PDB file of N, CA and C in Angstrom:
ATOM      1  N   LYS A   1       0.890  -1.286  -0.051  1.00  0.00           N
ATOM      2  CA  LYS A   1      -0.030   0.026   0.080  1.00  0.00           C
ATOM      3  C   LYS A   1       0.809   1.268  -0.057  1.00  0.00           C
ATOM      4  N   LEU A   2       2.027   1.291   0.686  1.00  0.00           N
ATOM      5  CA  LEU A   2       2.875   2.354   0.708  1.00  0.00           C
ATOM      6  C   LEU A   2       3.395   2.656  -0.674  1.00  0.00           C
ATOM      7  N   GLU A   3       3.786   1.508  -1.391  1.00  0.00           N
ATOM      8  CA  GLU A   3       4.372   1.876  -2.862  1.00  0.00           C
ATOM      9  C   GLU A   3       3.309   2.359  -3.645  1.00  0.00           C
ATOM     10  N   LYS A   4       2.082   2.234  -3.546  1.00  0.00           N
ATOM     11  CA  LYS A   4       0.982   2.943  -4.044  1.00  0.00           C
ATOM     12  C   LYS A   4       0.774   4.268  -4.050  1.00  0.00           C
ATOM     13  N   GLY A   5       1.629   4.835  -3.080  1.00  0.00           N
ATOM     14  CA  GLY A   5       1.638   6.346  -2.937  1.00  0.00           C
ATOM     15  C   GLY A   5       0.825   6.873  -1.861  1.00  0.00           C
ATOM     16  N   LYS A   6       0.471   5.940  -0.795  1.00  0.00           N
ATOM     17  CA  LYS A   6      -0.197   6.388   0.313  1.00  0.00           C
ATOM     18  C   LYS A   6       0.257   7.660   1.256  1.00  0.00           C
ATOM     19  N   SER A   7      -0.287   8.680   1.448  1.00  0.00           N
ATOM     20  CA  SER A   7       0.237   9.764   2.128  1.00  0.00           C
ATOM     21  C   SER A   7       0.750   9.231   3.449  1.00  0.00           C
ATOM     22  N   ILE A   8       1.814   9.873   3.900  1.00  0.00           N
ATOM     23  CA  ILE A   8       2.523   9.610   5.196  1.00  0.00           C
ATOM     24  C   ILE A   8       1.610   9.687   6.267  1.00  0.00           C
ATOM     25  N   LEU A   9       0.403  10.465   6.098  1.00  0.00           N
ATOM     26  CA  LEU A   9      -0.509  10.613   7.222  1.00  0.00           C
ATOM     27  C   LEU A   9      -1.457   9.562   7.392  1.00  0.00           C
ATOM     28  N   GLU A  10      -1.478   8.599   6.225  1.00  0.00           N
ATOM     29  CA  GLU A  10      -2.334   7.414   6.276  1.00  0.00           C
ATOM     30  C   GLU A  10      -1.461   6.219   6.829  1.00  0.00           C
ATOM     31  N   TRP A  11      -0.183   6.299   6.943  1.00  0.00           N
ATOM     32  CA  TRP A  11       0.632   5.280   7.391  1.00  0.00           C
ATOM     33  C   TRP A  11       0.326   4.506   8.550  1.00  0.00           C
ATOM     34  N   GLY A  12      -0.099   5.601   9.613  1.00  0.00           N
ATOM     35  CA  GLY A  12      -0.424   5.119  11.120  1.00  0.00           C
ATOM     36  C   GLY A  12      -1.639   4.112  10.895  1.00  0.00           C
ATOM     37  N   ALA A  13      -2.579   4.165  10.133  1.00  0.00           N
ATOM     38  CA  ALA A  13      -3.679   3.313   9.946  1.00  0.00           C
ATOM     39  C   ALA A  13      -3.249   1.805   9.536  1.00  0.00           C
ATOM     40  N   LEU A  14      -1.962   1.700   8.867  1.00  0.00           N
ATOM     41  CA  LEU A  14      -1.512   0.615   8.558  1.00  0.00           C
ATOM     42  C   LEU A  14      -0.542  -0.172   9.448  1.00  0.00           C
ATOM     43  N   LEU A  15      -0.460   0.389  10.610  1.00  0.00           N
ATOM     44  CA  LEU A  15       0.512  -0.213  11.767  1.00  0.00           C
ATOM     45  C   LEU A  15      -0.322  -0.472  13.061  1.00  0.00           C
ATOM     46  N   ARG A  16       0.300  -1.512  13.625  1.00  0.00           N
ATOM     47  CA  ARG A  16      -0.340  -1.783  14.956  1.00  0.00           C
ATOM     48  C   ARG A  16       0.701  -2.246  15.867  1.00  0.00           C
ATOM     49  N   ASN A  17       0.667  -2.213  17.138  1.00  0.00           N
ATOM     50  CA  ASN A  17       1.625  -2.778  18.095  1.00  0.00           C
ATOM     51  C   ASN A  17       0.669  -3.441  19.239  1.00  0.00           C
ATOM     52  N   ARG A  18       0.576  -4.644  19.102  1.00  0.00           N
ATOM     53  CA  ARG A  18      -0.332  -5.291  20.176  1.00  0.00           C
ATOM     54  C   ARG A  18       0.179  -5.176  21.611  1.00  0.00           C
ATOM     55  N   LEU A  19       1.464  -5.047  21.656  1.00  0.00           N
ATOM     56  CA  LEU A  19       2.017  -4.709  23.112  1.00  0.00           C
ATOM     57  C   LEU A  19       1.433  -3.780  23.837  1.00  0.00           C
ATOM     58  N   GLU A  20       0.998  -2.508  23.019  1.00  0.00           N
ATOM     59  CA  GLU A  20       0.471  -1.435  23.799  1.00  0.00           C
ATOM     60  C   GLU A  20      -0.918  -1.914  24.673  1.00  0.00           C
ATOM     61  N   ASP A  21      -1.657  -2.830  24.306  1.00  0.00           N
ATOM     62  CA  ASP A  21      -2.683  -3.321  25.112  1.00  0.00           C
ATOM     63  C   ASP A  21      -2.121  -3.722  26.578  1.00  0.00           C
ATOM     64  N   VAL A  22      -0.962  -4.174  26.617  1.00  0.00           N
ATOM     65  CA  VAL A  22      -0.313  -4.780  27.800  1.00  0.00           C
ATOM     66  C   VAL A  22       0.506  -3.558  28.502  1.00  0.00           C
ATOM     67  N   VAL A  23       1.208  -2.851  27.712  1.00  0.00           N
ATOM     68  CA  VAL A  23       2.176  -1.808  28.403  1.00  0.00           C
ATOM     69  C   VAL A  23       1.313  -0.661  28.867  1.00  0.00           C
ATOM     70  N   LEU A  24       0.608  -0.020  28.111  1.00  0.00           N
ATOM     71  CA  LEU A  24      -0.017   1.150  28.291  1.00  0.00           C
ATOM     72  C   LEU A  24      -0.759   1.325  29.695  1.00  0.00           C
ATOM     73  N   PRO A  25      -1.382   0.274  30.155  1.00  0.00           N
ATOM     74  CA  PRO A  25      -2.209   0.353  31.430  1.00  0.00           C
ATOM     75  C   PRO A  25      -1.187   0.472  32.631  1.00  0.00           C
ATOM     76  N   PHE A  26       0.146  -0.038  32.388  1.00  0.00           N
ATOM     77  CA  PHE A  26       1.045  -0.256  33.506  1.00  0.00           C
ATOM     78  C   PHE A  26       2.224   0.931  33.593  1.00  0.00           C
ATOM     79  N   HIS A  27       2.158   1.768  32.356  1.00  0.00           N
ATOM     80  CA  HIS A  27       3.367   2.653  32.080  1.00  0.00           C
ATOM     81  C   HIS A  27       2.678   3.952  31.821  1.00  0.00           C
ATOM     82  N   PRO A  28       2.031   4.782  32.597  1.00  0.00           N
ATOM     83  CA  PRO A  28       1.619   5.901  32.158  1.00  0.00           C
ATOM     84  C   PRO A  28       2.474   6.948  31.533  1.00  0.00           C
ATOM     85  N   GLU A  29       3.728   6.871  31.593  1.00  0.00           N
ATOM     86  CA  GLU A  29       4.670   7.706  31.023  1.00  0.00           C
ATOM     87  C   GLU A  29       4.613   7.493  29.302  1.00  0.00           C
ATOM     88  N   VAL A  30       4.469   6.201  29.133  1.00  0.00           N
ATOM     89  CA  VAL A  30       4.417   5.818  27.701  1.00  0.00           C
ATOM     90  C   VAL A  30       3.042   6.473  26.999  1.00  0.00           C
ATOM     91  N   ARG A  31       2.032   6.242  27.738  1.00  0.00           N
ATOM     92  CA  ARG A  31       0.807   6.757  27.265  1.00  0.00           C
ATOM     93  C   ARG A  31       0.678   8.212  27.291  1.00  0.00           C
ATOM     94  N   ALA A  32       1.362   8.935  28.109  1.00  0.00           N
ATOM     95  CA  ALA A  32       1.486  10.275  28.088  1.00  0.00           C
ATOM     96  C   ALA A  32       2.275  10.765  27.059  1.00  0.00           C
ATOM     97  N   ALA A  33       3.370  10.109  26.466  1.00  0.00           N
ATOM     98  CA  ALA A  33       4.085  10.446  25.345  1.00  0.00           C
ATOM     99  C   ALA A  33       3.221  10.326  24.118  1.00  0.00           C
ATOM    100  N   LYS A  34       2.511   9.420  24.059  1.00  0.00           N
ATOM    101  CA  LYS A  34       1.542   9.217  22.959  1.00  0.00           C
ATOM    102  C   LYS A  34       0.580  10.300  22.763  1.00  0.00           C
ATOM    103  N   GLU A  35      -0.065  10.478  23.937  1.00  0.00           N
ATOM    104  CA  GLU A  35      -1.111  11.352  24.089  1.00  0.00           C
ATOM    105  C   GLU A  35      -0.598  12.844  23.594  1.00  0.00           C
ATOM    106  N   PHE A  36       0.743  13.199  24.017  1.00  0.00           N
ATOM    107  CA  PHE A  36       1.373  14.385  23.681  1.00  0.00           C
ATOM    108  C   PHE A  36       1.624  14.568  22.178  1.00  0.00           C
ATOM    109  N   LEU A  37       2.159  13.436  21.642  1.00  0.00           N
ATOM    110  CA  LEU A  37       2.299  13.390  20.294  1.00  0.00           C
ATOM    111  C   LEU A  37       1.223  13.632  19.337  1.00  0.00           C
ATOM    112  N   ALA A  38       0.118  12.980  19.740  1.00  0.00           N
ATOM    113  CA  ALA A  38      -1.143  13.308  19.032  1.00  0.00           C
ATOM    114  C   ALA A  38      -1.492  14.705  19.149  1.00  0.00           C
ATOM    115  N   ARG A  39      -1.472  15.151  20.322  1.00  0.00           N
ATOM    116  CA  ARG A  39      -2.110  16.592  20.698  1.00  0.00           C
ATOM    117  C   ARG A  39      -1.353  17.701  19.841  1.00  0.00           C
ATOM    118  N   ILE A  40       0.047  17.366  19.644  1.00  0.00           N
ATOM    119  CA  ILE A  40       0.702  18.514  18.782  1.00  0.00           C
ATOM    120  C   ILE A  40       0.610  18.250  17.487  1.00  0.00           C
ATOM    121  N   GLY A  41      -0.242  17.217  16.925  1.00  0.00           N
ATOM    122  CA  GLY A  41      -0.501  17.036  15.518  1.00  0.00           C
ATOM    123  C   GLY A  41       0.059  16.029  14.689  1.00  0.00           C
ATOM    124  N   LEU A  42       0.862  15.223  15.509  1.00  0.00           N
ATOM    125  CA  LEU A  42       1.399  14.157  14.742  1.00  0.00           C
ATOM    126  C   LEU A  42       0.419  12.960  14.359  1.00  0.00           C
ATOM    127  N   ALA A  43       0.645  12.250  13.378  1.00  0.00           N
ATOM    128  CA  ALA A  43      -0.439  11.298  12.882  1.00  0.00           C
ATOM    129  C   ALA A  43       0.334   9.724  13.258  1.00  0.00           C
ATOM    130  N   GLY A  44      -0.590   8.885  13.198  1.00  0.00           N
ATOM    131  CA  GLY A  44      -0.285   7.458  13.399  1.00  0.00           C
ATOM    132  C   GLY A  44       0.795   7.256  14.676  1.00  0.00           C
ATOM    133  N   VAL A  45       0.494   7.952  15.775  1.00  0.00           N
ATOM    134  CA  VAL A  45       1.305   7.935  16.913  1.00  0.00           C
ATOM    135  C   VAL A  45       1.101   6.269  17.463  1.00  0.00           C
ATOM    136  N   LEU A  46       2.373   5.783  17.676  1.00  0.00           N
ATOM    137  CA  LEU A  46       2.395   4.436  18.025  1.00  0.00           C
ATOM    138  C   LEU A  46       3.709   4.220  19.021  1.00  0.00           C
ATOM    139  N   MET A  47       3.532   3.186  19.968  1.00  0.00           N
ATOM    140  CA  MET A  47       4.629   2.826  20.805  1.00  0.00           C
ATOM    141  C   MET A  47       5.499   1.946  19.877  1.00  0.00           C
ATOM    142  N   SER A  48       6.761   2.087  19.846  1.00  0.00           N
ATOM    143  CA  SER A  48       7.842   1.289  19.329  1.00  0.00           C
ATOM    144  C   SER A  48       8.228   0.028  20.104  1.00  0.00           C
ATOM    145  N   GLY A  49       8.161  -1.071  19.484  1.00  0.00           N
ATOM    146  CA  GLY A  49       8.620  -2.382  20.188  1.00  0.00           C
ATOM    147  C   GLY A  49       7.790  -2.704  21.671  1.00  0.00           C
ATOM    148  N   SER A  50       8.539  -2.686  22.674  1.00  0.00           N
ATOM    149  CA  SER A  50       7.855  -2.858  23.962  1.00  0.00           C
ATOM    150  C   SER A  50       7.864  -1.540  24.726  1.00  0.00           C
ATOM    151  N   GLY A  51       8.011  -0.430  24.035  1.00  0.00           N
ATOM    152  CA  GLY A  51       7.746   0.924  24.791  1.00  0.00           C
ATOM    153  C   GLY A  51       8.902   1.876  25.069  1.00  0.00           C
ATOM    154  N   SER A  52      10.081   1.320  24.350  1.00  0.00           N
ATOM    155  CA  SER A  52      11.340   2.073  24.782  1.00  0.00           C
ATOM    156  C   SER A  52      11.220   3.482  23.948  1.00  0.00           C
ATOM    157  N   SER A  53      10.337   3.597  22.988  1.00  0.00           N
ATOM    158  CA  SER A  53      10.008   4.836  22.212  1.00  0.00           C
ATOM    159  C   SER A  53       8.735   4.856  21.656  1.00  0.00           C
ATOM    160  N   VAL A  54       8.315   6.132  21.401  1.00  0.00           N
ATOM    161  CA  VAL A  54       6.910   6.398  20.692  1.00  0.00           C
ATOM    162  C   VAL A  54       7.293   7.350  19.496  1.00  0.00           C
ATOM    163  N   PHE A  55       6.523   7.147  18.559  1.00  0.00           N
ATOM    164  CA  PHE A  55       6.754   7.977  17.199  1.00  0.00           C
ATOM    165  C   PHE A  55       5.515   8.080  16.598  1.00  0.00           C
ATOM    166  N   GLY A  56       5.597   9.382  15.707  1.00  0.00           N
ATOM    167  CA  GLY A  56       4.324   9.982  14.990  1.00  0.00           C
ATOM    168  C   GLY A  56       5.019  10.356  13.839  1.00  0.00           C
ATOM    169  N   PHE A  57       3.979  10.544  12.700  1.00  0.00           N
ATOM    170  CA  PHE A  57       4.291  10.897  11.509  1.00  0.00           C
ATOM    171  C   PHE A  57       3.842  12.552  11.475  1.00  0.00           C
ATOM    172  N   ALA A  58       4.670  13.304  10.695  1.00  0.00           N
ATOM    173  CA  ALA A  58       4.396  14.698  10.355  1.00  0.00           C
ATOM    174  C   ALA A  58       4.097  14.853   8.926  1.00  0.00           C
ATOM    175  N   ALA A  59       3.192  15.709   8.561  1.00  0.00           N
ATOM    176  CA  ALA A  59       2.820  15.902   7.312  1.00  0.00           C
ATOM    177  C   ALA A  59       3.927  16.524   6.280  1.00  0.00           C
ATOM    178  N   SER A  60       4.959  17.252   6.852  1.00  0.00           N
ATOM    179  CA  SER A  60       6.064  17.707   6.184  1.00  0.00           C
ATOM    180  C   SER A  60       7.276  17.777   7.191  1.00  0.00           C
ATOM    181  N   PHE A  61       8.413  18.031   6.477  1.00  0.00           N
ATOM    182  CA  PHE A  61       9.548  18.281   7.340  1.00  0.00           C
ATOM    183  C   PHE A  61       9.408  19.485   8.176  1.00  0.00           C
ATOM    184  N   GLU A  62       8.715  20.452   7.711  1.00  0.00           N
ATOM    185  CA  GLU A  62       8.560  21.687   8.573  1.00  0.00           C
ATOM    186  C   GLU A  62       7.624  21.410   9.701  1.00  0.00           C
ATOM    187  N   ASP A  63       6.539  20.717   9.499  1.00  0.00           N
ATOM    188  CA  ASP A  63       5.887  20.260  10.612  1.00  0.00           C
ATOM    189  C   ASP A  63       6.445  19.466  11.694  1.00  0.00           C
ATOM    190  N   GLY A  64       7.309  18.501  11.163  1.00  0.00           N
ATOM    191  CA  GLY A  64       8.304  17.785  11.983  1.00  0.00           C
ATOM    192  C   GLY A  64       8.985  18.614  12.944  1.00  0.00           C
ATOM    193  N   GLU A  65       9.732  19.670  12.184  1.00  0.00           N
ATOM    194  CA  GLU A  65      10.495  20.785  12.999  1.00  0.00           C
ATOM    195  C   GLU A  65       9.587  21.337  13.999  1.00  0.00           C
ATOM    196  N   ARG A  66       8.424  21.786  13.891  1.00  0.00           N
ATOM    197  CA  ARG A  66       7.553  22.532  14.752  1.00  0.00           C
ATOM    198  C   ARG A  66       7.452  21.513  15.809  1.00  0.00           C
ATOM    199  N   ALA A  67       7.105  20.161  15.604  1.00  0.00           N
ATOM    200  CA  ALA A  67       6.774  19.168  16.554  1.00  0.00           C
ATOM    201  C   ALA A  67       7.966  18.985  17.558  1.00  0.00           C
ATOM    202  N   LEU A  68       9.314  18.837  16.953  1.00  0.00           N
ATOM    203  CA  LEU A  68      10.557  18.800  17.606  1.00  0.00           C
ATOM    204  C   LEU A  68      10.694  19.906  18.475  1.00  0.00           C
ATOM    205  N   ALA A  69      10.392  21.209  18.065  1.00  0.00           N
ATOM    206  CA  ALA A  69      10.615  22.212  18.930  1.00  0.00           C
ATOM    207  C   ALA A  69       9.944  22.232  20.282  1.00  0.00           C
ATOM    208  N   LYS A  70       8.741  21.702  19.919  1.00  0.00           N
ATOM    209  CA  LYS A  70       7.678  21.524  21.328  1.00  0.00           C
ATOM    210  C   LYS A  70       8.085  20.397  22.070  1.00  0.00           C
ATOM    211  N   LEU A  71       8.681  19.369  21.576  1.00  0.00           N
ATOM    212  CA  LEU A  71       9.125  18.249  22.333  1.00  0.00           C
ATOM    213  C   LEU A  71      10.381  18.625  23.053  1.00  0.00           C
ATOM    214  N   LYS A  72      11.217  19.486  22.623  1.00  0.00           N
ATOM    215  CA  LYS A  72      12.580  19.853  23.363  1.00  0.00           C
ATOM    216  C   LYS A  72      12.225  20.506  24.589  1.00  0.00           C
ATOM    217  N   ARG A  73      11.032  20.920  24.937  1.00  0.00           N
ATOM    218  CA  ARG A  73      10.712  21.587  26.294  1.00  0.00           C
ATOM    219  C   ARG A  73      10.456  20.360  27.267  1.00  0.00           C
ATOM    220  N   TYR A  74      10.602  19.208  26.839  1.00  0.00           N
ATOM    221  CA  TYR A  74      10.289  18.191  27.844  1.00  0.00           C
ATOM    222  C   TYR A  74      11.521  17.351  28.050  1.00  0.00           C
ATOM    223  N   PRO A  75      11.697  16.578  29.107  1.00  0.00           N
ATOM    224  CA  PRO A  75      12.829  15.687  29.331  1.00  0.00           C
ATOM    225  C   PRO A  75      13.007  14.544  28.528  1.00  0.00           C
ATOM    226  N   TRP A  76      12.618  14.489  27.298  1.00  0.00           N
ATOM    227  CA  TRP A  76      12.608  13.385  26.502  1.00  0.00           C
ATOM    228  C   TRP A  76      13.668  13.442  25.464  1.00  0.00           C
ATOM    229  N   ASN A  77      14.296  12.587  25.043  1.00  0.00           N
ATOM    230  CA  ASN A  77      15.161  12.549  23.826  1.00  0.00           C
ATOM    231  C   ASN A  77      14.344  12.560  22.523  1.00  0.00           C
ATOM    232  N   ALA A  78      14.320  13.556  21.635  1.00  0.00           N
ATOM    233  CA  ALA A  78      13.513  13.504  20.580  1.00  0.00           C
ATOM    234  C   ALA A  78      14.426  13.534  19.294  1.00  0.00           C
ATOM    235  N   PHE A  79      13.807  12.988  18.387  1.00  0.00           N
ATOM    236  CA  PHE A  79      14.824  13.141  16.996  1.00  0.00           C
ATOM    237  C   PHE A  79      13.839  13.350  15.698  1.00  0.00           C
ATOM    238  N   LEU A  80      14.052  14.073  14.768  1.00  0.00           N
ATOM    239  CA  LEU A  80      13.373  14.259  13.568  1.00  0.00           C
ATOM    240  C   LEU A  80      14.153  13.358  12.637  1.00  0.00           C
ATOM    241  N   VAL A  81      13.458  12.466  11.889  1.00  0.00           N
ATOM    242  CA  VAL A  81      13.879  11.676  10.878  1.00  0.00           C
ATOM    243  C   VAL A  81      13.100  11.769   9.593  1.00  0.00           C
ATOM    244  N   SER A  82      13.570  11.437   8.559  1.00  0.00           N
ATOM    245  CA  SER A  82      12.985  11.598   7.295  1.00  0.00           C
ATOM    246  C   SER A  82      13.177  10.257   6.558  1.00  0.00           C
ATOM    247  N   CYS A  83      11.911   9.799   5.977  1.00  0.00           N
ATOM    248  CA  CYS A  83      11.765   8.397   5.154  1.00  0.00           C
ATOM    249  C   CYS A  83      12.445   8.831   3.834  1.00  0.00           C
ATOM    250  N   LEU A  84      13.200   8.004   3.318  1.00  0.00           N
ATOM    251  CA  LEU A  84      13.804   8.336   2.013  1.00  0.00           C
ATOM    252  C   LEU A  84      13.210   7.259   0.980  1.00  0.00           C
ATOM    253  N   GLY A  85      13.168   7.686  -0.176  1.00  0.00           N
ATOM    254  CA  GLY A  85      12.742   6.795  -1.180  1.00  0.00           C
ATOM    255  C   GLY A  85      11.523   7.281  -1.920  1.00  0.00           C
TER     256      GLY A  85
END
């Protein structure tokens, strides 16, 4: 589906992490990170792996930079990455 040109904002609907059902009730800090990323406008916010990180998709690099600036106000390590190809 990605090869057919799905917008990056639609990628989140294609992803799932079943471990979220187990981790989120016991780790409010992971839930808070997910909620914050969604609140600042990122799409497809999801816990990565067993919860060591959380990510979301920005509509553009500029939107990603704005989200990163907001994240830097918090004691989290935040990175802006770009998908190539």
